[in-house]
Amino acid sequence: MTKFGTKGRGRMTAKPWLANYPEEVPSSLTFEEIPVQEFLTRAYKKNPSKVAIHFMGKDLTYTELYESALRFANYLQALGVEKGDRVAIMLPNTPQSVIAYYGAMYAGAVVVQTNPLYTERELQYQMADSGAKVILVMDILYPRVMKIIKETALENVIVTAIKDYLPFPKNLVYPFIQKKQYGFSVKVEHSGQNHLFSEIMRSAPIKIIDNMPFDFEEDLALLQYTGGTTGFPKGVMLTHKNLIANTTMCDAWMYKCVHGEETIMGILPFFHVYGMTTVMLLSVFTQNRMVLLPKFDAETALKTIDKQKPTLFPGAPTLYIGLLNHPDIANYDLSSIKACLSGSASLPIEVQEKFEAVTGGKLVEGYGLTETSPVTHATPIWGKRVIGSIGLPWPNTEAVILRTGDTEELPIGEVGEIAVKGPQVMKGYWNRPEDTAATFADGWFLTGDLGYMDEQGFFYVVDRKKDLIIAGGFNIYPREVEEVLYEREEIQECVVAGIPDPYRGETVKAYIVLKEGYSITEDELNKYCRQHLAAFKVPRYYEFREELPKTAVGKILRRTLVEEEKTKLANKEAK
């Protein structure tokens, strides 16, 4: 690999983006060397009676959140959880997910966020790979955990229910709704390896855990799984430093927000690092109030915004599109929203303009990856905007464009791979030194995204080096879907690609060549995929072909198929 020449270094020191920083945003920040859970301790000491969480009509104060987190931590320690052990949380956005997150950290554990949509296969892989000792799970997901527990290192299962944190009479009604919705109910006894969250909150002591050794740079706070281009997801090791740094940057970027006076909308799932940093961490760091919704439903979200008056609403384009398309949007007051940071997929300009017109607030695009905790770039909220850009690198963050497969820095305007450095960049991949080494070059983290920088230091993403599909803000790795399809004996060849979709940005399509003499219908494939993949990964379309386009070496040309779809779409629109 070539080293940077002096020319490259000279350009780097210039950091042209700093000239476009709002005056209020410093170019460099200092980060307090504290563990993440210290955010909660401070919020409790400063504002003990302030509401920390609002959830479907119920409020929890910072005192209740802090004491509940300590109970959880003490209980984990009584179960034998030691510093560095992994504790998995498989929950939608609920008070329990926040309590357990900070509680696990008070106990010195590393949190493993687990998507509640995971199938048995996906769950088993993540639990075995992370070596998690304990999992906290929603009651309806308990059977799923029990089916795979023997193939993992799990020793204890903690079970909770939505109703545990609902106000009266919702808490009495909800179990009936749930039974109707899922067709079954789960009864778990508090004994042996099974533990009830409600019981822990009733009986565990509120005892401060002291004397925990702590290394700001090295100690892991989180193992966050991201799909791998090789098929299997990788555990991204995020340290306390990574998360503290990104939360502090986020706070600096939102300089007009007043600590203790904002309300943050928490629809983005906490099992995605973006929702975790911009809602769960930022809210507690700034001693604000978070309003949680366990799933996205446009009507419920509109009602909640109207009622709870959130001022900040981090989201993904799909969320904003879902709200804008609701026929009754005009009946709700959304004017409380001051700022929205959109991530996880590119933000269409018309969505941005429409949403700003409806709320009177600002909606800007950011960019980042799981590996960068997640944000590296964002458009100034109250400052200069450039259409189509992902914005400027954040304070303490450096970014360059490198020639693909090389470490030569490219001049302004040329397309190459976006590479970043900064305190939010991960420590590496869990137990995968080769993958870690392949992702860094000369200290730069290689994002796998292709883009360029303009004269003013604004960055643009033009394509993805990886074949990642981003549908509705969810990351889908084609290889993972292909592996499931290849298990069918009828299938000779298949390839999965992301094709343009007006609502989800992209959607999943599978192209299939059947073996001679075999047949299978779309319906049968759909049923099969739904058994083995989370719902958001299941192909929406299937196309049966005689053959697939290939290179001379026999590699299937996924890109060619995507281009075909784009051409079809363009022809359709032209008519």
Protein backbone atom coordinates (compact mmCIF):
# COMPACT_ATOMS: atom_id res chain seq x y z
CA MET A 1 0.00 0.00 0.00
CA THR A 2 1.30 3.44 -0.75
CA LYS A 3 1.74 5.92 2.02
CA PHE A 4 0.35 9.41 1.98
CA GLY A 5 2.49 11.96 0.26
CA THR A 6 3.05 15.41 1.77
CA LYS A 7 0.48 16.79 -0.60
CA GLY A 8 -2.17 14.59 0.99
CA ARG A 9 -1.10 15.56 4.48
CA GLY A 10 -1.18 19.22 3.64
CA ARG A 11 -4.71 18.93 2.41
CA MET A 12 -5.75 17.06 5.51
CA THR A 13 -4.52 19.71 7.85
CA ALA A 14 -6.65 22.17 5.97
CA LYS A 15 -9.96 20.47 6.89
CA PRO A 16 -12.00 22.68 4.55
CA TRP A 17 -15.24 21.71 6.31
CA LEU A 18 -14.34 23.71 9.42
CA ALA A 19 -14.99 26.95 7.51
CA ASN A 20 -18.65 25.87 7.23
CA TYR A 21 -19.09 25.02 10.89
CA PRO A 22 -21.66 27.15 12.72
CA GLU A 23 -19.81 29.50 15.11
CA GLU A 24 -21.34 27.70 18.08
CA VAL A 25 -19.83 24.31 17.18
CA PRO A 26 -16.19 23.84 18.29
CA SER A 27 -13.87 22.04 15.87
CA SER A 28 -12.52 19.94 18.67
CA LEU A 29 -14.09 18.70 21.90
CA THR A 30 -12.62 17.13 25.01
CA PHE A 31 -14.28 13.97 26.29
CA GLU A 32 -14.69 13.15 29.91
CA GLU A 33 -13.13 9.83 30.78
CA ILE A 34 -16.21 8.34 32.42
CA PRO A 35 -18.18 5.13 31.86
CA VAL A 36 -21.45 5.46 29.93
CA GLN A 37 -23.59 4.65 33.00
CA GLU A 38 -22.20 7.78 34.70
CA PHE A 39 -24.64 9.75 32.49
CA LEU A 40 -27.49 8.24 34.50
CA THR A 41 -25.83 8.70 37.89
CA ARG A 42 -25.36 12.41 37.14
CA ALA A 43 -28.87 12.90 35.78
CA TYR A 44 -30.27 11.30 38.96
CA LYS A 45 -28.14 13.47 41.25
CA LYS A 46 -28.96 16.66 39.41
CA ASN A 47 -32.63 16.09 38.54
CA PRO A 48 -33.97 13.26 40.71
CA SER A 49 -37.65 14.07 40.26
CA LYS A 50 -37.53 14.94 36.54
CA VAL A 51 -39.32 12.57 34.16
CA ALA A 52 -36.72 10.49 32.29
CA ILE A 53 -39.06 8.23 30.28
CA HIS A 54 -42.63 8.56 29.10
CA PHE A 55 -44.09 5.27 27.85
CA MET A 56 -47.66 4.92 26.65
CA GLY A 57 -49.14 7.03 29.43
CA LYS A 58 -46.67 6.08 32.18
CA ASP A 59 -43.83 8.27 33.50
CA LEU A 60 -40.56 7.18 35.10
CA THR A 61 -38.44 9.76 36.91
CA TYR A 62 -34.64 9.80 36.90
CA THR A 63 -34.73 8.44 40.48
CA GLU A 64 -36.89 5.48 39.39
CA LEU A 65 -34.70 4.83 36.35
CA TYR A 66 -31.49 5.01 38.40
CA GLU A 67 -32.75 2.80 41.25
CA SER A 68 -34.23 0.28 38.80
CA ALA A 69 -30.91 0.13 36.89
CA LEU A 70 -29.06 -0.51 40.20
CA ARG A 71 -31.51 -3.30 41.14
CA PHE A 72 -30.92 -4.90 37.74
CA ALA A 73 -27.13 -4.56 38.16
CA ASN A 74 -27.14 -6.14 41.63
CA TYR A 75 -29.31 -8.99 40.42
CA LEU A 76 -26.96 -9.65 37.48
CA GLN A 77 -24.04 -9.77 39.88
CA ALA A 78 -25.96 -12.21 42.11
CA LEU A 79 -26.39 -14.40 38.99
CA GLY A 80 -22.60 -14.45 38.66
CA VAL A 81 -22.20 -11.76 35.95
CA GLU A 82 -18.68 -10.35 36.17
CA LYS A 83 -16.87 -7.47 34.49
CA GLY A 84 -16.64 -8.04 30.75
CA ASP A 85 -19.40 -10.68 30.63
CA ARG A 86 -21.98 -10.19 27.87
CA VAL A 87 -25.64 -9.50 28.65
CA ALA A 88 -28.11 -9.58 25.74
CA ILE A 89 -31.19 -7.34 25.54
CA MET A 90 -33.89 -8.47 23.11
CA LEU A 91 -36.61 -5.87 23.53
CA PRO A 92 -38.48 -3.19 21.64
CA ASN A 93 -38.21 0.41 22.97
CA THR A 94 -39.62 0.13 26.48
CA PRO A 95 -38.55 1.36 29.93
CA GLN A 96 -37.10 -2.12 30.55
CA SER A 97 -34.69 -1.77 27.63
CA VAL A 98 -33.29 1.49 29.11
CA ILE A 99 -33.16 0.10 32.69
CA ALA A 100 -31.36 -3.05 31.55
CA TYR A 101 -28.92 -1.19 29.32
CA TYR A 102 -27.65 1.08 32.10
CA GLY A 103 -28.07 -1.71 34.69
CA ALA A 104 -25.86 -4.11 32.72
CA MET A 105 -23.20 -1.39 32.52
CA TYR A 106 -23.39 -0.69 36.29
CA ALA A 107 -22.67 -4.41 36.72
CA GLY A 108 -19.58 -4.03 34.49
CA ALA A 109 -21.12 -6.10 31.68
CA VAL A 110 -20.99 -5.57 27.93
CA VAL A 111 -24.42 -5.06 26.36
CA VAL A 112 -25.36 -7.16 23.30
CA GLN A 113 -28.32 -5.50 21.59
CA THR A 114 -30.48 -8.12 19.93
CA ASN A 115 -33.16 -7.39 17.36
CA PRO A 116 -36.54 -8.79 18.57
CA LEU A 117 -37.36 -9.64 14.95
CA TYR A 118 -34.56 -12.22 14.79
CA THR A 119 -35.51 -15.77 13.94
CA GLU A 120 -34.14 -18.73 15.91
CA ARG A 121 -31.33 -19.19 13.44
CA GLU A 122 -30.19 -15.52 13.69
CA LEU A 123 -30.58 -15.47 17.47
CA GLN A 124 -28.66 -18.70 17.97
CA TYR A 125 -25.77 -17.40 15.87
CA GLN A 126 -25.55 -14.10 17.77
CA MET A 127 -25.77 -15.70 21.23
CA ALA A 128 -23.16 -18.33 20.40
CA ASP A 129 -20.81 -15.79 18.79
CA SER A 130 -21.06 -13.21 21.60
CA GLY A 131 -20.96 -15.82 24.39
CA ALA A 132 -23.72 -13.91 26.22
CA LYS A 133 -24.45 -15.36 29.69
CA VAL A 134 -27.83 -13.70 30.29
CA ILE A 135 -30.61 -12.53 27.99
CA LEU A 136 -33.51 -10.23 28.81
CA VAL A 137 -36.41 -10.99 26.56
CA MET A 138 -40.05 -10.06 25.94
CA ASP A 139 -42.49 -12.75 27.15
CA ILE A 140 -43.74 -13.55 23.64
CA LEU A 141 -40.15 -14.18 22.50
CA TYR A 142 -39.36 -16.54 25.40
CA PRO A 143 -40.23 -19.75 23.42
CA ARG A 144 -37.83 -18.63 20.67
CA VAL A 145 -34.97 -18.32 23.18
CA MET A 146 -35.72 -21.68 24.82
CA LYS A 147 -35.50 -23.50 21.49
CA ILE A 148 -31.90 -22.43 20.92
CA ILE A 149 -30.57 -22.06 24.48
CA LYS A 150 -28.68 -25.39 24.47
CA GLU A 151 -26.57 -24.27 21.50
CA THR A 152 -25.40 -21.08 23.29
CA ALA A 153 -23.57 -20.03 26.46
CA LEU A 154 -26.79 -18.60 27.97
CA GLU A 155 -27.20 -19.52 31.64
CA ASN A 156 -30.12 -17.31 32.63
CA VAL A 157 -33.19 -15.87 30.90
CA ILE A 158 -34.93 -12.79 32.31
CA VAL A 159 -38.48 -12.31 31.06
CA THR A 160 -40.51 -9.12 30.96
CA ALA A 161 -43.81 -8.00 29.45
CA ILE A 162 -45.04 -4.76 27.90
CA LYS A 163 -47.76 -4.64 30.59
CA ASP A 164 -45.13 -4.38 33.37
CA TYR A 165 -44.75 -0.67 32.57
CA LEU A 166 -48.23 0.27 31.44
CA PRO A 167 -50.49 2.46 33.57
CA PHE A 168 -53.80 1.17 34.94
CA PRO A 169 -56.13 0.02 33.20
CA LYS A 170 -53.91 -0.52 30.14
CA ASN A 171 -51.81 -3.05 32.11
CA LEU A 172 -54.88 -5.23 32.67
CA VAL A 173 -56.22 -5.01 29.13
CA TYR A 174 -52.91 -5.45 27.27
CA PRO A 175 -52.43 -9.24 27.91
CA PHE A 176 -55.76 -9.90 26.18
CA ILE A 177 -54.80 -7.75 23.19
CA GLN A 178 -51.46 -9.55 23.02
CA LYS A 179 -53.06 -12.99 23.13
CA LYS A 180 -55.43 -12.02 20.33
CA GLN A 181 -52.52 -10.61 18.27
CA TYR A 182 -50.11 -13.54 18.68
CA GLY A 183 -52.54 -16.39 19.28
CA PHE A 184 -50.75 -17.51 22.44
CA SER A 185 -49.69 -16.24 25.84
CA VAL A 186 -46.57 -17.14 27.80
CA LYS A 187 -46.50 -17.94 31.51
CA VAL A 188 -43.05 -18.07 33.03
CA GLU A 189 -42.32 -18.90 36.67
CA HIS A 190 -39.60 -17.08 38.58
CA SER A 191 -37.40 -20.10 39.30
CA GLY A 192 -34.26 -21.92 38.19
CA GLN A 193 -32.75 -20.29 35.07
CA ASN A 194 -35.93 -18.24 34.48
CA HIS A 195 -36.29 -14.88 36.16
CA LEU A 196 -39.08 -12.32 36.05
CA PHE A 197 -38.09 -8.69 35.55
CA SER A 198 -41.00 -7.53 37.73
CA GLU A 199 -39.72 -9.77 40.53
CA ILE A 200 -36.17 -8.35 40.19
CA MET A 201 -37.57 -4.81 40.42
CA ARG A 202 -39.46 -5.81 43.58
CA SER A 203 -36.80 -7.66 45.46
CA ALA A 204 -33.26 -6.80 44.27
CA PRO A 205 -31.33 -4.32 46.46
CA ILE A 206 -30.64 -0.71 45.42
CA LYS A 207 -26.95 -0.87 46.17
CA ILE A 208 -24.27 1.29 44.52
CA ILE A 209 -21.62 -0.89 42.91
CA ASP A 210 -18.22 0.61 43.63
CA ASN A 211 -14.65 -0.41 43.03
CA MET A 212 -15.22 -1.49 39.49
CA PRO A 213 -11.93 -1.13 37.61
CA PHE A 214 -12.41 1.02 34.50
CA ASP A 215 -10.38 1.71 31.36
CA PHE A 216 -11.91 4.46 29.23
CA GLU A 217 -10.02 3.56 26.08
CA GLU A 218 -10.21 -0.22 26.22
CA ASP A 219 -13.34 -1.32 28.10
CA LEU A 220 -16.18 -2.47 25.89
CA ALA A 221 -19.64 -1.01 26.50
CA LEU A 222 -21.39 -2.68 23.60
CA LEU A 223 -21.23 -5.52 21.12
CA GLN A 224 -23.38 -4.38 18.24
CA TYR A 225 -23.88 -6.87 15.46
CA THR A 226 -23.74 -5.77 11.87
CA GLY A 227 -24.25 -7.96 8.84
CA GLY A 228 -21.11 -9.12 7.17
CA THR A 229 -20.54 -9.13 3.44
CA THR A 230 -19.35 -12.65 4.05
CA GLY A 231 -22.81 -13.58 5.19
CA PHE A 232 -22.48 -13.84 8.93
CA PRO A 233 -22.98 -10.78 11.13
CA LYS A 234 -19.94 -9.45 12.98
CA GLY A 235 -19.89 -8.13 16.55
CA VAL A 236 -18.69 -4.51 16.48
CA MET A 237 -16.74 -3.70 19.66
CA LEU A 238 -17.72 -0.24 20.86
CA THR A 239 -15.90 1.09 23.92
CA HIS A 240 -17.13 3.51 26.54
CA LYS A 241 -14.89 6.09 24.88
CA ASN A 242 -16.57 5.51 21.47
CA LEU A 243 -20.08 6.07 22.88
CA ILE A 244 -19.15 9.00 25.15
CA ALA A 245 -17.39 10.72 22.24
CA ASN A 246 -20.28 10.30 19.77
CA THR A 247 -22.89 11.44 22.31
CA THR A 248 -20.81 14.52 23.19
CA MET A 249 -20.39 15.36 19.47
CA CYS A 250 -24.12 14.96 18.93
CA ASP A 251 -24.84 17.35 21.80
CA ALA A 252 -22.36 19.92 20.40
CA TRP A 253 -23.99 19.68 16.95
CA MET A 254 -27.41 20.41 18.49
CA TYR A 255 -26.18 23.58 20.21
CA LYS A 256 -29.58 25.29 20.33
CA CYS A 257 -31.00 22.51 22.51
CA VAL A 258 -31.19 23.28 26.21
CA HIS A 259 -30.18 20.56 28.70
CA GLY A 260 -33.10 19.45 30.81
CA GLU A 261 -35.72 21.17 28.64
CA GLU A 262 -36.00 18.98 25.54
CA THR A 263 -38.18 15.98 24.83
CA ILE A 264 -36.74 13.37 22.46
CA MET A 265 -38.95 11.08 20.41
CA GLY A 266 -37.76 7.49 20.73
CA ILE A 267 -39.19 5.56 17.77
CA LEU A 268 -35.84 4.53 16.30
CA PRO A 269 -35.11 1.12 17.80
CA PHE A 270 -32.45 1.03 20.52
CA PHE A 271 -31.15 -2.26 19.15
CA HIS A 272 -29.77 -0.13 16.29
CA VAL A 273 -26.81 1.95 17.34
CA TYR A 274 -28.31 5.09 15.79
CA GLY A 275 -31.43 5.01 18.01
CA MET A 276 -29.27 4.09 20.98
CA THR A 277 -26.89 7.07 20.64
CA THR A 278 -29.27 9.79 19.48
CA VAL A 279 -32.10 8.92 21.87
CA MET A 280 -31.13 6.70 24.79
CA LEU A 281 -27.64 8.09 25.41
CA LEU A 282 -28.18 11.70 24.33
CA SER A 283 -31.37 12.04 26.35
CA VAL A 284 -29.82 10.87 29.61
CA PHE A 285 -26.57 12.79 28.96
CA THR A 286 -28.53 16.01 28.49
CA GLN A 287 -31.01 15.11 31.29
CA ASN A 288 -33.93 15.39 28.96
CA ARG A 289 -37.12 13.35 28.65
CA MET A 290 -37.50 10.53 26.12
CA VAL A 291 -40.87 9.43 24.79
CA LEU A 292 -40.76 5.77 23.76
CA LEU A 293 -42.85 3.87 21.24
CA PRO A 294 -42.29 0.11 20.98
CA LYS A 295 -43.01 0.03 17.25
CA PHE A 296 -43.67 2.47 14.45
CA ASP A 297 -47.29 3.06 13.63
CA ALA A 298 -47.99 6.35 11.84
CA GLU A 299 -51.23 7.12 13.67
CA THR A 300 -49.85 6.33 17.14
CA ALA A 301 -46.74 8.39 16.35
CA LEU A 302 -48.83 11.40 15.24
CA LYS A 303 -51.02 11.19 18.35
CA THR A 304 -47.95 10.92 20.56
CA ILE A 305 -46.20 13.93 18.94
CA ASP A 306 -49.41 15.94 19.25
CA LYS A 307 -49.75 15.06 22.94
CA GLN A 308 -46.20 14.78 24.27
CA LYS A 309 -44.70 17.68 22.25
CA PRO A 310 -41.26 16.25 21.44
CA THR A 311 -38.69 18.84 20.38
CA LEU A 312 -36.18 16.41 18.85
CA PHE A 313 -37.06 13.55 16.56
CA PRO A 314 -34.15 11.46 15.22
CA GLY A 315 -35.46 9.14 12.54
CA ALA A 316 -35.01 7.45 9.20
CA PRO A 317 -36.58 8.58 5.90
CA THR A 318 -39.19 5.76 6.10
CA LEU A 319 -40.51 7.19 9.39
CA TYR A 320 -40.90 10.69 8.00
CA ILE A 321 -42.46 9.33 4.76
CA GLY A 322 -44.88 7.19 6.83
CA LEU A 323 -46.07 10.24 8.79
CA LEU A 324 -46.31 12.51 5.74
CA ASN A 325 -48.41 9.94 3.89
CA HIS A 326 -50.95 9.58 6.69
CA PRO A 327 -54.29 10.93 5.47
CA ASP A 328 -55.06 12.70 8.80
CA ILE A 329 -51.70 14.40 9.35
CA ALA A 330 -53.36 17.85 9.16
CA ASN A 331 -55.40 17.02 12.31
CA TYR A 332 -52.28 16.80 14.48
CA ASP A 333 -50.03 19.54 15.83
CA LEU A 334 -46.40 18.71 15.04
CA SER A 335 -45.05 22.21 15.61
CA SER A 336 -43.13 21.26 18.77
CA ILE A 337 -40.41 19.58 16.65
CA LYS A 338 -37.29 21.77 16.43
CA ALA A 339 -34.73 19.41 14.96
CA CYS A 340 -34.55 16.02 13.31
CA LEU A 341 -31.44 14.16 12.36
CA SER A 342 -32.16 11.60 9.64
CA GLY A 343 -29.94 8.61 9.11
CA SER A 344 -29.70 4.97 7.95
CA ALA A 345 -30.69 5.76 4.32
CA SER A 346 -30.45 8.76 2.01
CA LEU A 347 -33.06 11.44 2.62
CA PRO A 348 -35.07 12.46 -0.44
CA ILE A 349 -35.18 16.25 -0.81
CA GLU A 350 -38.99 16.34 -1.20
CA VAL A 351 -39.38 14.48 2.11
CA GLN A 352 -37.12 16.98 3.82
CA GLU A 353 -38.99 19.98 2.44
CA LYS A 354 -42.45 18.56 3.18
CA PHE A 355 -41.58 17.57 6.72
CA GLU A 356 -40.02 20.95 7.49
CA ALA A 357 -43.13 22.68 6.13
CA VAL A 358 -45.41 20.55 8.33
CA THR A 359 -43.40 20.91 11.56
CA GLY A 360 -41.66 24.25 11.15
CA GLY A 361 -38.52 22.48 12.42
CA LYS A 362 -35.29 21.44 10.71
CA LEU A 363 -34.72 18.01 9.18
CA VAL A 364 -31.15 17.28 8.12
CA GLU A 365 -29.25 14.26 6.93
CA GLY A 366 -26.41 12.55 8.74
CA TYR A 367 -24.13 9.66 7.91
CA GLY A 368 -22.46 6.94 9.85
CA LEU A 369 -22.03 3.23 10.45
CA THR A 370 -22.41 0.79 13.30
CA GLU A 371 -18.59 0.75 13.40
CA THR A 372 -18.52 4.52 14.13
CA SER A 373 -21.03 4.56 17.05
CA PRO A 374 -22.63 5.63 14.52
CA VAL A 375 -22.31 9.26 13.35
CA THR A 376 -19.29 10.63 11.45
CA HIS A 377 -20.91 13.35 9.28
CA ALA A 378 -24.02 15.51 9.43
CA THR A 379 -25.47 18.57 7.77
CA PRO A 380 -25.51 21.63 10.07
CA ILE A 381 -29.01 21.84 11.57
CA TRP A 382 -29.07 25.62 11.72
CA GLY A 383 -26.49 26.46 9.10
CA LYS A 384 -25.33 25.92 5.56
CA ARG A 385 -26.94 23.09 3.63
CA VAL A 386 -25.98 21.50 0.36
CA ILE A 387 -28.59 19.40 -1.38
CA GLY A 388 -27.61 15.77 -1.83
CA SER A 389 -24.75 15.97 0.64
CA ILE A 390 -24.35 13.94 3.86
CA GLY A 391 -22.84 17.07 5.41
CA LEU A 392 -19.57 17.79 7.20
CA PRO A 393 -17.39 15.61 9.40
CA TRP A 394 -18.21 16.05 13.10
CA PRO A 395 -15.79 17.62 15.63
CA ASN A 396 -12.65 15.51 16.29
CA THR A 397 -13.48 13.53 13.14
CA GLU A 398 -11.27 13.40 10.06
CA ALA A 399 -12.46 12.14 6.71
CA VAL A 400 -10.75 11.60 3.36
CA ILE A 401 -11.49 10.01 0.02
CA LEU A 402 -9.07 7.20 -0.80
CA ARG A 403 -8.45 5.50 -4.10
CA THR A 404 -10.32 2.18 -3.85
CA GLY A 405 -8.02 -0.60 -2.72
CA ASP A 406 -5.22 1.86 -1.94
CA THR A 407 -4.36 4.49 0.62
CA GLU A 408 -3.69 7.26 -1.87
CA GLU A 409 -5.75 10.31 -1.03
CA LEU A 410 -7.79 11.57 -3.96
CA PRO A 411 -8.22 15.24 -4.87
CA ILE A 412 -11.43 17.20 -4.36
CA GLY A 413 -14.36 16.01 -6.47
CA GLU A 414 -12.91 12.59 -7.32
CA VAL A 415 -14.89 9.49 -6.33
CA GLY A 416 -13.22 6.95 -4.07
CA GLU A 417 -13.80 5.21 -0.76
CA ILE A 418 -14.81 7.35 2.23
CA ALA A 419 -12.39 6.76 5.11
CA VAL A 420 -12.62 8.22 8.62
CA LYS A 421 -10.63 8.62 11.84
CA GLY A 422 -12.00 9.69 15.17
CA PRO A 423 -12.67 8.72 18.78
CA GLN A 424 -16.04 7.18 17.75
CA VAL A 425 -14.38 4.55 15.53
CA MET A 426 -14.74 1.01 16.90
CA LYS A 427 -12.02 -0.97 18.61
CA GLY A 428 -12.53 -3.76 16.04
CA TYR A 429 -14.66 -6.82 15.31
CA TRP A 430 -15.28 -9.33 18.10
CA ASN A 431 -12.94 -12.34 17.75
CA ARG A 432 -12.20 -11.46 14.10
CA PRO A 433 -8.72 -9.99 13.89
CA GLU A 434 -8.50 -10.59 10.09
CA ASP A 435 -11.73 -8.70 9.42
CA THR A 436 -10.56 -5.89 11.69
CA ALA A 437 -7.22 -5.62 9.92
CA ALA A 438 -8.94 -5.56 6.52
CA THR A 439 -11.15 -2.63 7.55
CA PHE A 440 -8.30 -0.32 8.56
CA ALA A 441 -5.56 1.12 6.37
CA ASP A 442 -2.85 3.41 7.76
CA GLY A 443 -5.09 4.12 10.76
CA TRP A 444 -8.08 5.06 8.56
CA PHE A 445 -11.33 3.17 8.94
CA LEU A 446 -12.60 2.17 5.50
CA THR A 447 -16.36 2.65 5.31
CA GLY A 448 -16.99 0.57 2.18
CA ASP A 449 -18.97 3.52 0.79
CA LEU A 450 -17.93 5.35 -2.34
CA GLY A 451 -18.20 9.11 -2.42
CA TYR A 452 -16.39 12.42 -2.87
CA MET A 453 -15.76 15.74 -1.12
CA ASP A 454 -16.37 19.18 -2.64
CA GLU A 455 -14.23 22.33 -2.18
CA GLN A 456 -16.21 23.35 0.87
CA GLY A 457 -15.65 20.09 2.72
CA PHE A 458 -19.17 18.72 2.16
CA PHE A 459 -19.20 14.97 1.53
CA TYR A 460 -21.41 12.95 -0.81
CA VAL A 461 -22.16 9.23 -1.00
CA VAL A 462 -22.56 7.92 -4.54
CA ASP A 463 -22.64 4.16 -4.14
CA ARG A 464 -21.84 1.31 -1.88
CA LYS A 465 -18.83 -0.81 -2.32
CA LYS A 466 -20.55 -3.50 -0.37
CA ASP A 467 -23.75 -4.88 -1.78
CA LEU A 468 -25.65 -3.88 1.28
CA ILE A 469 -29.39 -3.28 0.80
CA ILE A 470 -30.90 -0.54 2.98
CA ALA A 471 -34.66 -1.01 3.06
CA GLY A 472 -36.67 1.24 5.34
CA GLY A 473 -33.56 2.01 7.37
CA PHE A 474 -32.79 -1.69 7.95
CA ASN A 475 -29.49 -3.12 6.74
CA ILE A 476 -29.94 -6.30 4.73
CA TYR A 477 -26.98 -8.30 3.48
CA PRO A 478 -27.80 -10.21 0.29
CA ARG A 479 -25.51 -13.09 1.16
CA GLU A 480 -27.50 -13.89 4.31
CA VAL A 481 -30.77 -14.14 2.32
CA GLU A 482 -29.03 -16.11 -0.46
CA GLU A 483 -27.73 -18.67 2.03
CA VAL A 484 -31.28 -19.34 3.22
CA LEU A 485 -32.53 -19.71 -0.39
CA TYR A 486 -29.66 -22.02 -1.32
CA GLU A 487 -30.82 -24.49 1.33
CA ARG A 488 -33.79 -25.36 -0.93
CA GLU A 489 -32.93 -28.34 -3.10
CA GLU A 490 -35.02 -26.93 -5.99
CA ILE A 491 -32.70 -23.92 -6.38
CA GLN A 492 -29.68 -24.14 -8.63
CA GLU A 493 -28.58 -20.52 -8.44
CA CYS A 494 -29.84 -17.40 -6.86
CA VAL A 495 -28.83 -13.82 -6.29
CA VAL A 496 -30.45 -11.21 -4.08
CA ALA A 497 -30.32 -7.50 -4.84
CA GLY A 498 -31.74 -4.22 -3.63
CA ILE A 499 -34.05 -2.68 -6.23
CA PRO A 500 -35.49 0.87 -6.09
CA ASP A 501 -38.65 1.22 -4.00
CA PRO A 502 -40.58 4.46 -3.55
CA TYR A 503 -41.37 3.83 0.14
CA ARG A 504 -38.51 1.78 1.57
CA GLY A 505 -35.78 3.40 -0.61
CA GLU A 506 -34.80 -0.09 -1.67
CA THR A 507 -36.51 -3.40 -1.41
CA VAL A 508 -35.30 -7.00 -1.63
CA LYS A 509 -35.63 -9.00 -4.84
CA ALA A 510 -34.47 -12.56 -5.41
CA TYR A 511 -33.51 -13.83 -8.87
CA ILE A 512 -33.71 -17.61 -9.08
CA VAL A 513 -32.63 -20.35 -11.48
CA LEU A 514 -34.32 -23.68 -10.70
CA LYS A 515 -32.72 -27.10 -11.19
CA GLU A 516 -33.95 -29.01 -14.17
CA GLY A 517 -37.13 -30.98 -13.44
CA TYR A 518 -37.83 -29.07 -10.19
CA SER A 519 -40.53 -26.51 -9.49
CA ILE A 520 -41.45 -24.17 -6.59
CA THR A 521 -43.89 -21.26 -6.38
CA GLU A 522 -43.38 -17.72 -5.10
CA ASP A 523 -45.79 -18.48 -2.27
CA GLU A 524 -43.84 -21.52 -1.12
CA LEU A 525 -40.59 -19.54 -1.20
CA ASN A 526 -42.16 -16.67 0.69
CA LYS A 527 -43.42 -18.99 3.44
CA TYR A 528 -40.04 -20.67 3.68
CA CYS A 529 -38.11 -17.35 3.90
CA ARG A 530 -40.47 -16.08 6.59
CA GLN A 531 -39.60 -19.10 8.71
CA HIS A 532 -35.85 -18.51 8.46
CA LEU A 533 -35.39 -14.75 8.17
CA ALA A 534 -36.53 -11.65 10.03
CA ALA A 535 -39.53 -10.15 8.22
CA PHE A 536 -37.59 -7.09 6.92
CA LYS A 537 -35.05 -9.36 5.14
CA VAL A 538 -37.63 -11.48 3.27
CA PRO A 539 -37.63 -10.82 -0.51
CA ARG A 540 -40.64 -8.82 -1.68
CA TYR A 541 -40.23 -10.03 -5.25
CA TYR A 542 -39.07 -13.28 -6.87
CA GLU A 543 -38.10 -13.63 -10.49
CA PHE A 544 -37.46 -17.03 -12.06
CA ARG A 545 -34.86 -17.03 -14.86
CA GLU A 546 -33.23 -19.49 -17.20
CA GLU A 547 -29.82 -18.06 -16.35
CA LEU A 548 -28.17 -15.19 -14.41
CA PRO A 549 -25.67 -12.65 -15.85
CA LYS A 550 -22.09 -13.62 -14.92
CA THR A 551 -18.49 -12.53 -15.31
CA ALA A 552 -15.97 -14.59 -17.17
CA VAL A 553 -14.96 -16.23 -13.89
CA GLY A 554 -18.56 -17.17 -13.18
CA LYS A 555 -19.30 -14.53 -10.54
CA ILE A 556 -22.95 -13.50 -10.69
CA LEU A 557 -23.32 -9.84 -11.67
CA ARG A 558 -25.65 -8.44 -9.06
CA ARG A 559 -25.11 -4.90 -10.29
CA THR A 560 -26.30 -5.76 -13.81
CA LEU A 561 -29.62 -6.93 -12.40
CA VAL A 562 -30.02 -3.74 -10.35
CA GLU A 563 -29.29 -1.67 -13.47
CA GLU A 564 -31.94 -3.66 -15.38
CA GLU A 565 -34.50 -2.80 -12.71
CA LYS A 566 -33.54 0.88 -12.80
CA THR A 567 -33.90 0.93 -16.61
CA LYS A 568 -37.34 -0.78 -16.35
CA LEU A 569 -38.40 1.82 -13.82
CA ALA A 570 -37.12 4.74 -15.91
CA ASN A 571 -38.93 3.41 -19.04
CA LYS A 572 -42.12 3.00 -17.03
CA GLU A 573 -41.87 6.58 -15.75
CA ALA A 574 -41.10 7.90 -19.23
CA LYS A 575 -44.38 6.45 -20.55
